[in-house]
């Protein structure tokens, strides 16, 4: 019994240090490819439809960089309801009521101004950097 306990303790100590390569990759919500984003996109809601300053700012961003926004996934998982990308959140009033959508838009805007590509922005969103965006 003593040897079994020592073996179990040794396993518990060494198992957490196994390489992360065995970890499953988390799924990514839907987003449009670069080629799909170059096609005509539906118009986003007008920022003038809203009164909250953060919402107005988010919808202005969507109007300014629709092709970038279209190439981003949305981690509120609205793709389960049929959205094809973050852009679809701004075609309706969905983003006005969703902090995830707005923060992803704020991050996309900031990174676009820094000269980052939609793919680089997507990687940052996938890493969860949107959570701290303002």
N, C-alpha and C. Protein backbone atom coordinates (compact mmCIF):
# COMPACT_ATOMS: atom_id res chain seq x y z
N UNK A 1 0.82 -1.19 0.00
CA UNK A 1 0.00 0.00 0.00
C UNK A 1 0.86 1.25 0.00
N UNK A 2 1.96 1.22 0.76
CA UNK A 2 2.86 2.37 0.84
C UNK A 2 3.46 2.67 -0.54
N UNK A 3 3.86 1.62 -1.27
CA UNK A 3 4.43 1.81 -2.61
C UNK A 3 3.39 2.39 -3.57
N UNK A 4 2.13 1.95 -3.43
CA UNK A 4 1.07 2.47 -4.28
C UNK A 4 0.88 3.97 -4.04
N UNK A 5 0.87 4.38 -2.79
CA UNK A 5 0.71 5.80 -2.47
C UNK A 5 1.86 6.63 -3.02
N UNK A 6 3.08 6.11 -2.92
CA UNK A 6 4.24 6.81 -3.46
C UNK A 6 4.14 6.93 -4.98
N UNK A 7 3.70 5.86 -5.62
CA UNK A 7 3.54 5.87 -7.07
C UNK A 7 2.46 6.87 -7.48
N UNK A 8 1.34 6.89 -6.75
CA UNK A 8 0.26 7.83 -7.05
C UNK A 8 0.73 9.27 -6.85
N UNK A 9 1.47 9.51 -5.80
CA UNK A 9 2.00 10.85 -5.55
C UNK A 9 2.97 11.26 -6.65
N UNK A 10 3.83 10.37 -7.08
CA UNK A 10 4.77 10.67 -8.15
C UNK A 10 4.04 10.98 -9.45
N UNK A 11 2.97 10.24 -9.74
CA UNK A 11 2.19 10.49 -10.96
C UNK A 11 1.51 11.86 -10.89
N UNK A 12 0.97 12.19 -9.73
CA UNK A 12 0.29 13.48 -9.57
C UNK A 12 1.25 14.64 -9.74
N UNK A 13 2.49 14.45 -9.34
CA UNK A 13 3.49 15.51 -9.45
C UNK A 13 3.98 15.65 -10.88
N UNK A 14 4.10 14.55 -11.61
CA UNK A 14 4.67 14.62 -12.96
C UNK A 14 3.62 14.86 -14.04
N UNK A 15 2.37 14.47 -13.84
CA UNK A 15 1.37 14.63 -14.89
C UNK A 15 1.14 16.08 -15.31
N UNK A 16 1.04 17.03 -14.38
CA UNK A 16 0.81 18.40 -14.83
C UNK A 16 1.94 18.98 -15.65
N UNK A 17 3.11 18.40 -15.59
CA UNK A 17 4.23 18.95 -16.34
C UNK A 17 4.37 18.35 -17.73
N UNK A 18 3.39 17.54 -18.16
CA UNK A 18 3.43 16.99 -19.51
C UNK A 18 3.34 18.11 -20.52
N UNK A 19 3.91 17.94 -21.70
CA UNK A 19 3.85 19.00 -22.71
C UNK A 19 2.42 19.37 -23.06
N UNK A 20 2.22 20.64 -23.38
CA UNK A 20 0.89 21.15 -23.72
C UNK A 20 0.42 20.68 -25.09
N UNK A 21 1.27 20.00 -25.84
CA UNK A 21 0.89 19.57 -27.18
C UNK A 21 -0.28 18.60 -27.15
N UNK A 22 -0.53 17.97 -26.01
CA UNK A 22 -1.65 17.06 -25.91
C UNK A 22 -2.96 17.78 -25.66
N UNK A 23 -2.90 19.05 -25.31
CA UNK A 23 -4.12 19.81 -25.05
C UNK A 23 -4.89 20.01 -26.35
N UNK A 24 -6.21 19.90 -26.26
CA UNK A 24 -7.03 20.09 -27.45
C UNK A 24 -7.11 21.57 -27.79
N UNK A 25 -7.08 21.86 -29.08
CA UNK A 25 -7.22 23.24 -29.53
C UNK A 25 -8.69 23.62 -29.40
N UNK A 26 -8.93 24.80 -28.84
CA UNK A 26 -10.29 25.28 -28.66
C UNK A 26 -10.87 25.71 -30.00
N UNK A 27 -12.18 25.50 -30.20
CA UNK A 27 -12.80 25.93 -31.47
C UNK A 27 -12.82 27.46 -31.57
N UNK A 28 -12.84 27.93 -32.80
CA UNK A 28 -12.90 29.36 -33.08
C UNK A 28 -14.24 29.65 -33.73
N UNK A 29 -14.95 30.69 -33.29
CA UNK A 29 -16.23 31.04 -33.92
C UNK A 29 -16.03 31.40 -35.40
N UNK A 30 -17.13 31.43 -36.12
CA UNK A 30 -17.10 31.70 -37.57
C UNK A 30 -16.56 33.10 -37.88
N UNK A 31 -15.87 33.19 -39.01
CA UNK A 31 -15.41 34.47 -39.56
C UNK A 31 -15.24 34.29 -41.05
N UNK A 32 -15.27 35.40 -41.79
CA UNK A 32 -15.13 35.35 -43.25
C UNK A 32 -13.66 35.33 -43.64
N UNK A 33 -13.37 34.63 -44.72
CA UNK A 33 -12.02 34.65 -45.27
C UNK A 33 -11.77 36.02 -45.91
N UNK A 34 -10.53 36.28 -46.24
CA UNK A 34 -10.20 37.55 -46.89
C UNK A 34 -10.98 37.71 -48.19
N UNK A 35 -11.06 36.63 -48.98
CA UNK A 35 -11.79 36.68 -50.26
C UNK A 35 -13.27 36.95 -50.03
N UNK A 36 -13.86 36.30 -49.03
CA UNK A 36 -15.29 36.53 -48.74
C UNK A 36 -15.54 37.96 -48.27
N UNK A 37 -14.60 38.50 -47.49
CA UNK A 37 -14.75 39.86 -46.96
C UNK A 37 -14.62 40.92 -48.05
N UNK A 38 -14.02 40.57 -49.18
CA UNK A 38 -13.88 41.53 -50.28
C UNK A 38 -15.16 41.67 -51.09
N UNK A 39 -16.06 40.71 -50.93
CA UNK A 39 -17.35 40.79 -51.61
C UNK A 39 -18.21 41.85 -50.92
N UNK A 40 -19.25 42.32 -51.61
CA UNK A 40 -20.12 43.30 -50.96
C UNK A 40 -20.70 42.75 -49.65
N UNK A 41 -20.64 43.59 -48.63
CA UNK A 41 -21.15 43.21 -47.31
C UNK A 41 -22.42 44.00 -47.02
N UNK A 42 -23.32 43.44 -46.23
CA UNK A 42 -24.50 44.22 -45.85
C UNK A 42 -24.08 45.44 -45.04
N UNK A 43 -24.85 46.50 -45.13
CA UNK A 43 -24.54 47.73 -44.40
C UNK A 43 -24.72 47.49 -42.90
N UNK A 44 -23.85 48.11 -42.13
CA UNK A 44 -24.00 48.07 -40.68
C UNK A 44 -25.03 49.13 -40.26
N UNK A 45 -25.53 49.00 -39.05
CA UNK A 45 -26.45 49.99 -38.52
C UNK A 45 -25.74 51.33 -38.42
N UNK A 46 -26.48 52.40 -38.59
CA UNK A 46 -25.91 53.73 -38.47
C UNK A 46 -25.62 54.04 -37.00
N UNK A 47 -24.45 54.60 -36.72
CA UNK A 47 -24.15 55.00 -35.34
C UNK A 47 -25.18 55.99 -34.78
N UNK A 48 -25.82 56.74 -35.65
CA UNK A 48 -26.81 57.73 -35.20
C UNK A 48 -28.07 57.08 -34.63
N UNK A 49 -28.21 55.77 -34.82
CA UNK A 49 -29.35 55.04 -34.26
C UNK A 49 -29.22 54.84 -32.75
N UNK A 50 -28.06 55.19 -32.20
CA UNK A 50 -27.78 54.88 -30.80
C UNK A 50 -27.40 56.15 -30.04
N UNK A 51 -27.59 56.12 -28.74
CA UNK A 51 -27.25 57.29 -27.92
C UNK A 51 -26.07 57.04 -26.98
N UNK A 52 -25.83 55.81 -26.60
CA UNK A 52 -24.72 55.49 -25.71
C UNK A 52 -23.40 55.75 -26.43
N UNK A 53 -22.49 56.55 -25.86
CA UNK A 53 -21.24 56.90 -26.55
C UNK A 53 -20.37 55.70 -26.93
N UNK A 54 -20.33 54.69 -26.10
CA UNK A 54 -19.52 53.50 -26.43
C UNK A 54 -20.12 52.74 -27.61
N UNK A 55 -21.42 52.65 -27.63
CA UNK A 55 -22.12 51.96 -28.73
C UNK A 55 -21.93 52.75 -30.02
N UNK A 56 -22.08 54.06 -29.96
CA UNK A 56 -21.86 54.91 -31.14
C UNK A 56 -20.45 54.70 -31.66
N UNK A 57 -19.48 54.72 -30.77
CA UNK A 57 -18.08 54.51 -31.17
C UNK A 57 -17.89 53.15 -31.84
N UNK A 58 -18.49 52.11 -31.27
CA UNK A 58 -18.36 50.76 -31.83
C UNK A 58 -18.95 50.68 -33.24
N UNK A 59 -20.12 51.27 -33.43
CA UNK A 59 -20.75 51.23 -34.75
C UNK A 59 -20.01 52.10 -35.77
N UNK A 60 -19.39 53.19 -35.32
CA UNK A 60 -18.55 53.98 -36.23
C UNK A 60 -17.36 53.14 -36.70
N UNK A 61 -16.77 52.40 -35.80
CA UNK A 61 -15.65 51.53 -36.16
C UNK A 61 -16.09 50.52 -37.21
N UNK A 62 -17.25 49.92 -36.98
CA UNK A 62 -17.75 48.92 -37.94
C UNK A 62 -17.96 49.52 -39.32
N UNK A 63 -18.41 50.78 -39.36
CA UNK A 63 -18.57 51.46 -40.65
C UNK A 63 -17.23 51.77 -41.30
N UNK A 64 -16.22 52.08 -40.49
CA UNK A 64 -14.91 52.47 -41.01
C UNK A 64 -14.09 51.29 -41.52
N UNK A 65 -14.19 50.14 -40.85
CA UNK A 65 -13.35 49.00 -41.22
C UNK A 65 -14.18 47.71 -41.38
N UNK A 66 -15.22 47.75 -42.22
CA UNK A 66 -16.10 46.57 -42.33
C UNK A 66 -15.39 45.32 -42.82
N UNK A 67 -14.44 45.47 -43.72
CA UNK A 67 -13.75 44.30 -44.27
C UNK A 67 -12.83 43.65 -43.23
N UNK A 68 -12.31 44.45 -42.33
CA UNK A 68 -11.49 43.92 -41.23
C UNK A 68 -12.39 43.22 -40.23
N UNK A 69 -13.48 43.88 -39.85
CA UNK A 69 -14.43 43.31 -38.88
C UNK A 69 -15.00 41.99 -39.39
N UNK A 70 -15.24 41.91 -40.70
CA UNK A 70 -15.82 40.69 -41.29
C UNK A 70 -14.87 39.50 -41.19
N UNK A 71 -13.58 39.76 -41.05
CA UNK A 71 -12.61 38.67 -40.97
C UNK A 71 -12.32 38.25 -39.53
N UNK A 72 -13.18 38.71 -38.59
CA UNK A 72 -12.95 38.40 -37.19
C UNK A 72 -14.05 37.48 -36.64
N UNK A 73 -13.66 36.54 -35.79
CA UNK A 73 -14.66 35.72 -35.10
C UNK A 73 -15.28 36.54 -33.96
N UNK A 74 -16.40 36.12 -33.47
CA UNK A 74 -17.03 36.81 -32.35
C UNK A 74 -17.18 35.82 -31.20
N UNK A 75 -16.50 36.11 -30.12
CA UNK A 75 -16.48 35.20 -28.98
C UNK A 75 -17.69 35.33 -28.06
N UNK A 76 -18.75 35.97 -28.50
CA UNK A 76 -20.02 35.85 -27.78
C UNK A 76 -20.77 34.63 -28.36
N UNK A 77 -20.15 34.03 -29.35
CA UNK A 77 -20.64 32.81 -29.99
C UNK A 77 -21.98 32.99 -30.69
N UNK A 78 -22.21 34.18 -31.22
CA UNK A 78 -23.43 34.42 -31.99
C UNK A 78 -23.44 33.61 -33.29
N UNK A 79 -22.29 33.06 -33.67
CA UNK A 79 -22.24 32.21 -34.87
C UNK A 79 -23.17 31.00 -34.69
N UNK A 80 -23.42 30.62 -33.46
CA UNK A 80 -24.37 29.52 -33.21
C UNK A 80 -25.78 29.92 -33.60
N UNK A 81 -26.03 31.23 -33.69
CA UNK A 81 -27.33 31.73 -34.11
C UNK A 81 -27.35 32.17 -35.57
N UNK A 82 -26.28 31.88 -36.30
CA UNK A 82 -26.25 32.17 -37.73
C UNK A 82 -25.30 33.27 -38.17
N UNK A 83 -24.70 34.01 -37.23
CA UNK A 83 -23.75 35.04 -37.64
C UNK A 83 -22.52 34.39 -38.28
N UNK A 84 -22.03 35.01 -39.35
CA UNK A 84 -20.89 34.47 -40.08
C UNK A 84 -19.58 35.12 -39.66
N UNK A 85 -19.65 36.23 -38.91
CA UNK A 85 -18.45 36.95 -38.46
C UNK A 85 -18.87 38.06 -37.51
N UNK A 86 -17.90 38.77 -36.97
CA UNK A 86 -18.17 39.91 -36.11
C UNK A 86 -18.98 40.98 -36.85
N UNK A 87 -18.77 41.11 -38.14
CA UNK A 87 -19.50 42.10 -38.94
C UNK A 87 -21.01 41.94 -38.80
N UNK A 88 -21.49 40.72 -38.80
CA UNK A 88 -22.93 40.48 -38.70
C UNK A 88 -23.51 41.05 -37.42
N UNK A 89 -22.72 41.16 -36.38
CA UNK A 89 -23.19 41.72 -35.11
C UNK A 89 -23.55 43.20 -35.26
N UNK A 90 -22.90 43.86 -36.20
CA UNK A 90 -23.11 45.29 -36.42
C UNK A 90 -24.15 45.57 -37.51
N UNK A 91 -24.55 44.56 -38.24
CA UNK A 91 -25.61 44.71 -39.23
C UNK A 91 -26.95 44.86 -38.50
N UNK A 92 -27.03 44.25 -37.35
CA UNK A 92 -28.22 44.36 -36.50
C UNK A 92 -27.86 45.21 -35.27
N UNK A 93 -28.73 45.23 -34.30
CA UNK A 93 -28.47 45.94 -33.06
C UNK A 93 -27.77 45.03 -32.04
N UNK A 94 -27.41 43.84 -32.44
CA UNK A 94 -26.79 42.87 -31.53
C UNK A 94 -25.59 43.45 -30.79
N UNK A 95 -24.68 44.07 -31.50
CA UNK A 95 -23.45 44.58 -30.87
C UNK A 95 -23.74 45.66 -29.84
N UNK A 96 -24.84 46.37 -30.01
CA UNK A 96 -25.19 47.44 -29.06
C UNK A 96 -25.47 46.90 -27.67
N UNK A 97 -25.77 45.63 -27.60
CA UNK A 97 -26.13 44.99 -26.33
C UNK A 97 -25.11 43.95 -25.90
N UNK A 98 -23.94 43.95 -26.55
CA UNK A 98 -22.96 42.89 -26.28
C UNK A 98 -21.56 43.49 -26.09
N UNK A 99 -21.06 43.40 -24.88
CA UNK A 99 -19.73 43.92 -24.57
C UNK A 99 -18.63 43.21 -25.33
N UNK A 100 -18.80 41.91 -25.60
CA UNK A 100 -17.78 41.16 -26.34
C UNK A 100 -17.64 41.74 -27.74
N UNK A 101 -18.76 41.94 -28.42
CA UNK A 101 -18.74 42.47 -29.79
C UNK A 101 -18.06 43.85 -29.83
N UNK A 102 -18.43 44.70 -28.88
CA UNK A 102 -17.85 46.04 -28.88
C UNK A 102 -16.36 45.99 -28.58
N UNK A 103 -15.95 45.21 -27.60
CA UNK A 103 -14.52 45.14 -27.26
C UNK A 103 -13.70 44.58 -28.41
N UNK A 104 -14.24 43.59 -29.11
CA UNK A 104 -13.51 43.06 -30.28
C UNK A 104 -13.38 44.13 -31.35
N UNK A 105 -14.43 44.92 -31.55
CA UNK A 105 -14.36 46.03 -32.50
C UNK A 105 -13.33 47.07 -32.09
N UNK A 106 -13.28 47.40 -30.79
CA UNK A 106 -12.31 48.38 -30.30
C UNK A 106 -10.88 47.87 -30.53
N UNK A 107 -10.66 46.57 -30.26
CA UNK A 107 -9.33 46.00 -30.48
C UNK A 107 -8.98 46.01 -31.97
N UNK A 108 -9.94 45.65 -32.81
CA UNK A 108 -9.70 45.64 -34.26
C UNK A 108 -9.33 47.03 -34.76
N UNK A 109 -10.01 48.05 -34.26
CA UNK A 109 -9.71 49.42 -34.65
C UNK A 109 -8.31 49.83 -34.23
N UNK A 110 -7.99 49.58 -32.98
CA UNK A 110 -6.66 49.94 -32.45
C UNK A 110 -5.55 49.25 -33.26
N UNK A 111 -5.72 47.96 -33.50
CA UNK A 111 -4.68 47.22 -34.22
C UNK A 111 -4.60 47.61 -35.69
N UNK A 112 -5.73 47.96 -36.29
CA UNK A 112 -5.73 48.44 -37.68
C UNK A 112 -4.93 49.73 -37.77
N UNK A 113 -5.15 50.63 -36.81
CA UNK A 113 -4.40 51.89 -36.77
C UNK A 113 -2.91 51.65 -36.57
N UNK A 114 -2.56 50.54 -35.92
CA UNK A 114 -1.15 50.17 -35.72
C UNK A 114 -0.55 49.47 -36.94
N UNK A 115 -1.35 49.28 -37.99
CA UNK A 115 -0.87 48.66 -39.21
C UNK A 115 -0.94 47.14 -39.21
N UNK A 116 -1.67 46.56 -38.29
CA UNK A 116 -1.79 45.09 -38.22
C UNK A 116 -2.77 44.59 -39.27
N UNK A 117 -2.54 43.41 -39.76
CA UNK A 117 -3.41 42.80 -40.77
C UNK A 117 -4.63 42.17 -40.09
N UNK A 118 -5.69 41.92 -40.86
CA UNK A 118 -6.84 41.22 -40.27
C UNK A 118 -6.45 39.87 -39.65
N UNK A 119 -5.51 39.16 -40.25
CA UNK A 119 -5.07 37.88 -39.69
C UNK A 119 -4.38 38.08 -38.34
N UNK A 120 -3.57 39.13 -38.21
CA UNK A 120 -2.90 39.41 -36.94
C UNK A 120 -3.93 39.82 -35.88
N UNK A 121 -4.93 40.56 -36.29
CA UNK A 121 -6.00 40.96 -35.37
C UNK A 121 -6.77 39.73 -34.91
N UNK A 122 -7.08 38.85 -35.85
CA UNK A 122 -7.79 37.62 -35.52
C UNK A 122 -7.00 36.79 -34.50
N UNK A 123 -5.70 36.69 -34.70
CA UNK A 123 -4.87 35.93 -33.75
C UNK A 123 -4.94 36.55 -32.35
N UNK A 124 -4.93 37.87 -32.29
CA UNK A 124 -5.04 38.55 -30.98
C UNK A 124 -6.41 38.30 -30.36
N UNK A 125 -7.44 38.33 -31.16
CA UNK A 125 -8.79 38.05 -30.65
C UNK A 125 -8.86 36.61 -30.15
N UNK A 126 -8.29 35.68 -30.90
CA UNK A 126 -8.29 34.28 -30.48
C UNK A 126 -7.53 34.08 -29.17
N UNK A 127 -6.52 34.91 -28.93
CA UNK A 127 -5.76 34.82 -27.67
C UNK A 127 -6.52 35.47 -26.51
N UNK A 128 -7.63 36.13 -26.82
CA UNK A 128 -8.44 36.75 -25.78
C UNK A 128 -8.05 38.18 -25.46
N UNK A 129 -7.24 38.81 -26.31
CA UNK A 129 -6.81 40.18 -26.05
C UNK A 129 -7.96 41.17 -26.10
N UNK A 130 -9.06 40.81 -26.73
CA UNK A 130 -10.24 41.67 -26.80
C UNK A 130 -10.78 41.99 -25.40
N UNK A 131 -10.58 41.11 -24.44
CA UNK A 131 -11.16 41.27 -23.11
C UNK A 131 -10.69 42.55 -22.42
N UNK A 132 -9.51 43.04 -22.77
CA UNK A 132 -8.97 44.25 -22.15
C UNK A 132 -9.08 45.48 -23.03
N UNK A 133 -9.74 45.35 -24.17
CA UNK A 133 -9.84 46.48 -25.11
C UNK A 133 -10.76 47.56 -24.58
N UNK A 134 -10.43 48.80 -24.94
CA UNK A 134 -11.25 49.94 -24.53
C UNK A 134 -11.52 50.84 -25.70
